[in-house]
N, C-alpha and C. Protein backbone atom coordinates (compact mmCIF):
# COMPACT_ATOMS: atom_id res chain seq x y z
N MET A 1 -48.99 23.48 66.27
CA MET A 1 -49.78 24.69 66.15
C MET A 1 -51.23 24.34 66.46
N GLY A 2 -51.82 25.09 67.37
CA GLY A 2 -53.20 24.85 67.76
C GLY A 2 -54.18 25.31 66.71
N ALA A 3 -55.43 24.92 66.89
CA ALA A 3 -56.48 25.27 65.93
C ALA A 3 -56.66 26.78 65.82
N LEU A 4 -56.57 27.47 66.95
CA LEU A 4 -56.73 28.92 66.93
C LEU A 4 -55.59 29.59 66.17
N SER A 5 -54.39 29.12 66.35
CA SER A 5 -53.24 29.66 65.62
C SER A 5 -53.35 29.40 64.13
N GLN A 6 -53.82 28.22 63.77
CA GLN A 6 -54.00 27.90 62.35
C GLN A 6 -55.07 28.77 61.72
N LEU A 7 -56.15 28.99 62.44
CA LEU A 7 -57.23 29.85 61.94
C LEU A 7 -56.72 31.26 61.73
N ARG A 8 -55.97 31.77 62.69
CA ARG A 8 -55.41 33.13 62.57
C ARG A 8 -54.47 33.22 61.38
N ALA A 9 -53.61 32.23 61.18
CA ALA A 9 -52.67 32.22 60.05
C ALA A 9 -53.42 32.17 58.72
N THR A 10 -54.46 31.38 58.65
CA THR A 10 -55.27 31.28 57.42
C THR A 10 -55.95 32.61 57.13
N MET A 11 -56.50 33.24 58.15
CA MET A 11 -57.15 34.54 57.95
C MET A 11 -56.15 35.59 57.47
N LEU A 12 -54.96 35.58 58.05
CA LEU A 12 -53.94 36.55 57.67
C LEU A 12 -53.55 36.36 56.20
N ARG A 13 -53.33 35.10 55.80
CA ARG A 13 -52.98 34.82 54.39
C ARG A 13 -54.11 35.25 53.47
N SER A 14 -55.34 34.96 53.85
CA SER A 14 -56.49 35.31 53.04
C SER A 14 -56.61 36.83 52.90
N GLN A 15 -56.40 37.55 54.00
CA GLN A 15 -56.45 39.00 53.93
C GLN A 15 -55.34 39.55 53.05
N LEU A 16 -54.16 38.95 53.14
CA LEU A 16 -53.03 39.42 52.33
C LEU A 16 -53.31 39.21 50.84
N VAL A 17 -53.90 38.09 50.49
CA VAL A 17 -54.26 37.83 49.09
C VAL A 17 -55.30 38.84 48.61
N ARG A 18 -56.33 39.06 49.42
CA ARG A 18 -57.36 40.03 49.05
C ARG A 18 -56.77 41.44 48.96
N PHE A 19 -55.85 41.77 49.87
CA PHE A 19 -55.19 43.07 49.84
C PHE A 19 -54.41 43.24 48.53
N GLY A 20 -53.73 42.18 48.12
CA GLY A 20 -53.00 42.21 46.85
C GLY A 20 -53.93 42.39 45.66
N MET A 21 -55.07 41.75 45.69
CA MET A 21 -56.04 41.89 44.61
C MET A 21 -56.56 43.33 44.53
N VAL A 22 -56.85 43.90 45.69
CA VAL A 22 -57.31 45.29 45.72
C VAL A 22 -56.19 46.20 45.21
N GLY A 23 -54.96 45.89 45.55
CA GLY A 23 -53.82 46.67 45.05
C GLY A 23 -53.74 46.65 43.53
N CYS A 24 -54.03 45.51 42.93
CA CYS A 24 -54.03 45.42 41.46
C CYS A 24 -55.13 46.30 40.86
N VAL A 25 -56.29 46.29 41.48
CA VAL A 25 -57.39 47.15 41.01
C VAL A 25 -56.98 48.62 41.17
N GLY A 26 -56.38 48.95 42.30
CA GLY A 26 -55.93 50.32 42.54
C GLY A 26 -54.91 50.76 41.51
N PHE A 27 -53.98 49.86 41.17
CA PHE A 27 -52.98 50.19 40.15
C PHE A 27 -53.65 50.48 38.82
N ALA A 28 -54.61 49.65 38.43
CA ALA A 28 -55.30 49.85 37.15
C ALA A 28 -56.04 51.20 37.13
N ILE A 29 -56.69 51.53 38.22
CA ILE A 29 -57.38 52.82 38.31
C ILE A 29 -56.37 53.96 38.23
N ASP A 30 -55.31 53.85 39.02
CA ASP A 30 -54.29 54.89 39.08
C ASP A 30 -53.65 55.13 37.71
N ALA A 31 -53.22 54.07 37.07
CA ALA A 31 -52.54 54.20 35.78
C ALA A 31 -53.48 54.74 34.70
N SER A 32 -54.69 54.20 34.63
CA SER A 32 -55.61 54.64 33.57
C SER A 32 -56.06 56.09 33.79
N LEU A 33 -56.32 56.46 35.04
CA LEU A 33 -56.75 57.84 35.29
C LEU A 33 -55.62 58.84 35.10
N THR A 34 -54.39 58.44 35.42
CA THR A 34 -53.26 59.33 35.16
C THR A 34 -53.19 59.66 33.67
N LEU A 35 -53.31 58.65 32.83
CA LEU A 35 -53.29 58.87 31.38
C LEU A 35 -54.50 59.69 30.93
N LEU A 36 -55.67 59.35 31.43
CA LEU A 36 -56.88 60.07 31.05
C LEU A 36 -56.81 61.54 31.45
N PHE A 37 -56.43 61.81 32.68
CA PHE A 37 -56.37 63.20 33.15
C PHE A 37 -55.32 64.00 32.39
N HIS A 38 -54.20 63.33 32.09
CA HIS A 38 -53.13 64.04 31.38
C HIS A 38 -53.50 64.28 29.91
N ARG A 39 -54.01 63.25 29.24
CA ARG A 39 -54.29 63.35 27.81
C ARG A 39 -55.60 64.06 27.49
N GLN A 40 -56.66 63.67 28.19
CA GLN A 40 -57.98 64.19 27.85
C GLN A 40 -58.30 65.52 28.54
N LEU A 41 -57.90 65.65 29.79
CA LEU A 41 -58.18 66.89 30.52
C LEU A 41 -57.02 67.87 30.44
N GLU A 42 -55.93 67.40 29.84
CA GLU A 42 -54.72 68.21 29.64
C GLU A 42 -54.15 68.77 30.94
N LEU A 43 -54.24 67.97 31.99
CA LEU A 43 -53.59 68.34 33.25
C LEU A 43 -52.10 68.05 33.13
N GLY A 44 -51.31 68.75 33.90
CA GLY A 44 -49.88 68.49 33.93
C GLY A 44 -49.60 67.11 34.51
N GLU A 45 -48.39 66.62 34.29
CA GLU A 45 -48.02 65.27 34.74
C GLU A 45 -48.23 65.10 36.24
N ALA A 46 -47.77 66.05 37.02
CA ALA A 46 -47.88 65.94 38.48
C ALA A 46 -49.34 66.05 38.93
N SER A 47 -50.08 66.99 38.37
CA SER A 47 -51.49 67.17 38.75
C SER A 47 -52.30 65.93 38.39
N ALA A 48 -52.08 65.40 37.21
CA ALA A 48 -52.79 64.19 36.77
C ALA A 48 -52.48 63.03 37.71
N ARG A 49 -51.23 62.92 38.09
CA ARG A 49 -50.79 61.82 38.95
C ARG A 49 -51.39 61.93 40.34
N VAL A 50 -51.37 63.11 40.92
CA VAL A 50 -51.90 63.30 42.27
C VAL A 50 -53.41 63.05 42.30
N LEU A 51 -54.13 63.59 41.33
CA LEU A 51 -55.57 63.39 41.27
C LEU A 51 -55.91 61.91 41.09
N ALA A 52 -55.19 61.24 40.19
CA ALA A 52 -55.42 59.81 39.96
C ALA A 52 -55.12 59.01 41.22
N PHE A 53 -54.04 59.36 41.93
CA PHE A 53 -53.69 58.67 43.17
C PHE A 53 -54.82 58.81 44.19
N LEU A 54 -55.38 60.00 44.32
CA LEU A 54 -56.45 60.20 45.30
C LEU A 54 -57.69 59.37 44.96
N VAL A 55 -58.03 59.28 43.68
CA VAL A 55 -59.17 58.45 43.27
C VAL A 55 -58.85 56.98 43.52
N ALA A 56 -57.66 56.54 43.12
CA ALA A 56 -57.27 55.14 43.31
C ALA A 56 -57.18 54.78 44.79
N ALA A 57 -56.64 55.68 45.60
CA ALA A 57 -56.53 55.43 47.04
C ALA A 57 -57.92 55.35 47.68
N THR A 58 -58.85 56.18 47.20
CA THR A 58 -60.21 56.13 47.72
C THR A 58 -60.86 54.80 47.36
N ALA A 59 -60.68 54.35 46.14
CA ALA A 59 -61.21 53.04 45.72
C ALA A 59 -60.56 51.93 46.55
N GLY A 60 -59.26 52.02 46.76
CA GLY A 60 -58.55 51.02 47.57
C GLY A 60 -59.05 51.00 49.00
N TRP A 61 -59.26 52.18 49.56
CA TRP A 61 -59.78 52.26 50.92
C TRP A 61 -61.15 51.59 51.01
N TRP A 62 -62.03 51.89 50.07
CA TRP A 62 -63.38 51.33 50.10
C TRP A 62 -63.35 49.81 49.90
N LEU A 63 -62.58 49.34 48.91
CA LEU A 63 -62.50 47.89 48.66
C LEU A 63 -61.86 47.14 49.82
N ASN A 64 -60.78 47.71 50.37
CA ASN A 64 -60.15 47.05 51.51
C ASN A 64 -61.08 47.03 52.72
N ARG A 65 -61.83 48.08 52.89
CA ARG A 65 -62.78 48.17 53.99
C ARG A 65 -63.84 47.08 53.88
N ARG A 66 -64.37 46.89 52.68
CA ARG A 66 -65.47 45.94 52.46
C ARG A 66 -64.99 44.51 52.16
N PHE A 67 -63.96 44.38 51.35
CA PHE A 67 -63.55 43.07 50.81
C PHE A 67 -62.40 42.44 51.60
N THR A 68 -61.38 43.22 51.91
CA THR A 68 -60.20 42.65 52.56
C THR A 68 -60.41 42.47 54.05
N PHE A 69 -60.78 43.54 54.73
CA PHE A 69 -60.88 43.50 56.19
C PHE A 69 -62.30 43.36 56.69
N ARG A 70 -63.26 43.51 55.79
CA ARG A 70 -64.68 43.28 56.08
C ARG A 70 -65.14 43.96 57.36
N THR A 71 -64.79 45.21 57.49
CA THR A 71 -65.16 45.97 58.68
C THR A 71 -66.59 46.47 58.58
N GLN A 72 -67.25 46.50 59.70
CA GLN A 72 -68.62 47.02 59.78
C GLN A 72 -68.63 48.39 60.46
N ALA A 73 -67.44 48.91 60.76
CA ALA A 73 -67.36 50.22 61.41
C ALA A 73 -67.97 51.28 60.50
N PRO A 74 -68.53 52.31 61.10
CA PRO A 74 -69.10 53.39 60.28
C PRO A 74 -68.02 54.04 59.40
N VAL A 75 -68.43 54.46 58.21
CA VAL A 75 -67.52 55.17 57.32
C VAL A 75 -67.12 56.47 57.98
N SER A 76 -65.81 56.77 57.96
CA SER A 76 -65.36 58.01 58.58
C SER A 76 -64.28 58.66 57.73
N ALA A 77 -64.29 59.98 57.75
CA ALA A 77 -63.26 60.73 57.03
C ALA A 77 -61.89 60.46 57.62
N SER A 78 -61.81 60.23 58.92
CA SER A 78 -60.50 59.98 59.54
C SER A 78 -59.91 58.65 59.08
N SER A 79 -60.74 57.64 58.88
CA SER A 79 -60.25 56.36 58.37
C SER A 79 -59.72 56.54 56.94
N TRP A 80 -60.48 57.26 56.12
CA TRP A 80 -60.04 57.52 54.75
C TRP A 80 -58.72 58.30 54.73
N LEU A 81 -58.63 59.34 55.55
CA LEU A 81 -57.42 60.16 55.59
C LEU A 81 -56.22 59.36 56.06
N ARG A 82 -56.40 58.54 57.11
CA ARG A 82 -55.30 57.67 57.56
C ARG A 82 -54.84 56.77 56.42
N TYR A 83 -55.79 56.18 55.70
CA TYR A 83 -55.44 55.28 54.60
C TYR A 83 -54.66 56.02 53.51
N VAL A 84 -55.14 57.19 53.11
CA VAL A 84 -54.48 57.95 52.04
C VAL A 84 -53.07 58.37 52.47
N VAL A 85 -52.92 58.86 53.68
CA VAL A 85 -51.60 59.29 54.16
C VAL A 85 -50.65 58.10 54.27
N LEU A 86 -51.12 57.01 54.85
CA LEU A 86 -50.25 55.85 55.01
C LEU A 86 -49.93 55.19 53.67
N THR A 87 -50.87 55.19 52.74
CA THR A 87 -50.60 54.66 51.41
C THR A 87 -49.57 55.55 50.70
N GLY A 88 -49.67 56.86 50.92
CA GLY A 88 -48.65 57.77 50.39
C GLY A 88 -47.27 57.46 50.96
N ALA A 89 -47.23 57.16 52.25
CA ALA A 89 -45.95 56.76 52.86
C ALA A 89 -45.45 55.47 52.23
N GLY A 90 -46.36 54.55 51.95
CA GLY A 90 -45.98 53.31 51.27
C GLY A 90 -45.41 53.57 49.89
N ALA A 91 -45.97 54.55 49.19
CA ALA A 91 -45.44 54.92 47.87
C ALA A 91 -44.02 55.47 48.00
N ALA A 92 -43.78 56.27 49.04
CA ALA A 92 -42.43 56.80 49.26
C ALA A 92 -41.45 55.67 49.57
N ILE A 93 -41.88 54.70 50.36
CA ILE A 93 -41.04 53.53 50.65
C ILE A 93 -40.74 52.76 49.37
N ASN A 94 -41.77 52.58 48.53
CA ASN A 94 -41.61 51.89 47.25
C ASN A 94 -40.51 52.57 46.42
N ILE A 95 -40.60 53.86 46.28
CA ILE A 95 -39.63 54.60 45.46
C ILE A 95 -38.25 54.54 46.08
N ALA A 96 -38.16 54.66 47.40
CA ALA A 96 -36.86 54.59 48.07
C ALA A 96 -36.19 53.23 47.87
N CYS A 97 -36.96 52.16 47.99
CA CYS A 97 -36.41 50.82 47.76
C CYS A 97 -35.96 50.66 46.31
N TYR A 98 -36.77 51.12 45.39
CA TYR A 98 -36.43 51.08 43.97
C TYR A 98 -35.09 51.79 43.73
N LEU A 99 -34.97 53.01 44.24
CA LEU A 99 -33.74 53.78 44.03
C LEU A 99 -32.54 53.11 44.68
N ALA A 100 -32.73 52.50 45.84
CA ALA A 100 -31.63 51.80 46.51
C ALA A 100 -31.15 50.61 45.69
N VAL A 101 -32.08 49.82 45.17
CA VAL A 101 -31.71 48.65 44.36
C VAL A 101 -31.01 49.10 43.08
N VAL A 102 -31.52 50.11 42.43
CA VAL A 102 -30.91 50.62 41.19
C VAL A 102 -29.52 51.19 41.48
N HIS A 103 -29.38 51.84 42.61
CA HIS A 103 -28.08 52.39 42.99
C HIS A 103 -27.05 51.27 43.17
N VAL A 104 -27.46 50.18 43.76
CA VAL A 104 -26.55 49.05 44.02
C VAL A 104 -26.30 48.24 42.75
N LEU A 105 -27.37 47.91 42.01
CA LEU A 105 -27.26 47.00 40.87
C LEU A 105 -26.94 47.69 39.55
N GLY A 106 -27.43 48.90 39.36
CA GLY A 106 -27.26 49.59 38.09
C GLY A 106 -28.59 49.77 37.38
N THR A 107 -28.51 50.24 36.13
CA THR A 107 -29.73 50.62 35.42
C THR A 107 -30.05 49.74 34.20
N ARG A 108 -29.49 48.58 34.15
CA ARG A 108 -29.91 47.66 33.08
C ARG A 108 -31.37 47.29 33.29
N PRO A 109 -32.06 46.90 32.21
CA PRO A 109 -33.50 46.63 32.33
C PRO A 109 -33.87 45.65 33.45
N LEU A 110 -33.13 44.57 33.60
CA LEU A 110 -33.46 43.62 34.68
C LEU A 110 -33.21 44.22 36.05
N HIS A 111 -32.24 45.10 36.16
CA HIS A 111 -31.97 45.76 37.44
C HIS A 111 -33.12 46.71 37.79
N LEU A 112 -33.62 47.41 36.78
CA LEU A 112 -34.76 48.30 37.01
C LEU A 112 -35.99 47.50 37.45
N LEU A 113 -36.22 46.37 36.78
CA LEU A 113 -37.35 45.52 37.17
C LEU A 113 -37.17 44.97 38.57
N ALA A 114 -35.94 44.61 38.93
CA ALA A 114 -35.67 44.14 40.30
C ALA A 114 -36.01 45.24 41.30
N GLY A 115 -35.65 46.47 40.96
CA GLY A 115 -35.98 47.59 41.84
C GLY A 115 -37.47 47.78 42.00
N VAL A 116 -38.20 47.68 40.90
CA VAL A 116 -39.66 47.79 40.95
C VAL A 116 -40.23 46.67 41.82
N ALA A 117 -39.75 45.45 41.61
CA ALA A 117 -40.26 44.31 42.37
C ALA A 117 -39.99 44.46 43.87
N VAL A 118 -38.76 44.80 44.22
CA VAL A 118 -38.42 44.96 45.64
C VAL A 118 -39.25 46.08 46.26
N GLY A 119 -39.32 47.21 45.56
CA GLY A 119 -40.11 48.33 46.08
C GLY A 119 -41.57 47.97 46.26
N SER A 120 -42.12 47.25 45.31
CA SER A 120 -43.54 46.87 45.38
C SER A 120 -43.82 45.93 46.54
N VAL A 121 -42.96 44.93 46.71
CA VAL A 121 -43.16 43.95 47.78
C VAL A 121 -43.02 44.60 49.16
N VAL A 122 -41.98 45.40 49.33
CA VAL A 122 -41.76 46.05 50.62
C VAL A 122 -42.91 47.02 50.93
N ALA A 123 -43.32 47.82 49.94
CA ALA A 123 -44.40 48.78 50.16
C ALA A 123 -45.73 48.07 50.41
N MET A 124 -45.98 46.97 49.72
CA MET A 124 -47.21 46.23 49.97
C MET A 124 -47.22 45.69 51.39
N GLY A 125 -46.10 45.17 51.84
CA GLY A 125 -46.01 44.68 53.22
C GLY A 125 -46.29 45.80 54.22
N PHE A 126 -45.67 46.94 53.99
CA PHE A 126 -45.89 48.10 54.86
C PHE A 126 -47.36 48.52 54.83
N ASN A 127 -47.92 48.68 53.64
CA ASN A 127 -49.31 49.12 53.51
C ASN A 127 -50.29 48.13 54.14
N PHE A 128 -50.01 46.85 53.98
CA PHE A 128 -50.88 45.84 54.60
C PHE A 128 -50.81 45.95 56.12
N TRP A 129 -49.60 46.06 56.63
CA TRP A 129 -49.41 46.14 58.08
C TRP A 129 -50.11 47.36 58.67
N VAL A 130 -49.90 48.53 58.07
CA VAL A 130 -50.52 49.74 58.65
C VAL A 130 -52.03 49.74 58.44
N SER A 131 -52.49 49.18 57.33
CA SER A 131 -53.94 49.10 57.10
C SER A 131 -54.58 48.19 58.14
N ARG A 132 -53.95 47.07 58.38
CA ARG A 132 -54.48 46.10 59.34
C ARG A 132 -54.42 46.63 60.77
N ARG A 133 -53.35 47.34 61.08
CA ARG A 133 -53.10 47.80 62.45
C ARG A 133 -53.77 49.13 62.77
N TRP A 134 -53.77 50.10 61.83
CA TRP A 134 -54.21 51.44 62.15
C TRP A 134 -55.41 51.95 61.36
N VAL A 135 -55.69 51.37 60.22
CA VAL A 135 -56.81 51.89 59.44
C VAL A 135 -58.06 51.05 59.66
N PHE A 136 -57.92 49.74 59.55
CA PHE A 136 -59.08 48.85 59.63
C PHE A 136 -59.06 47.93 60.85
N ALA A 137 -58.30 48.28 61.85
CA ALA A 137 -58.18 47.44 63.05
C ALA A 137 -59.53 47.31 63.74
N THR A 138 -59.82 46.11 64.16
CA THR A 138 -61.04 45.90 64.95
C THR A 138 -60.65 46.04 66.41
N ARG A 139 -61.39 46.82 67.10
CA ARG A 139 -61.07 47.10 68.51
C ARG A 139 -61.73 46.09 69.40
């Protein structure tokens, strides 16, 4: 493997780690705001969840823009919208994988956790790929 290939592989791993860290921050925002909106603002479960997702996705977009992909491109509504829509697609993939694993393995606690793990890993891979390719791609 040449020096250029090694550099590219190192950058990709580094971006993936930073993307995962931003994902953890996004999860914390999403979960805490869902509870806050539902309990304190007395929003319904779905309304609280959607609003929290939008705030968490916005934070994720900003952090990934600055920290993960370090883009200097001007801030644009289209970049934010692409990120939110594609992250939503990633959430659908996550749930679909979870349901598929649970359907095959069953609903014992470890099977449910396996479903969550598989869904999370697959969705993170998808979200990283689309973020790198279509949201934060350097032209």
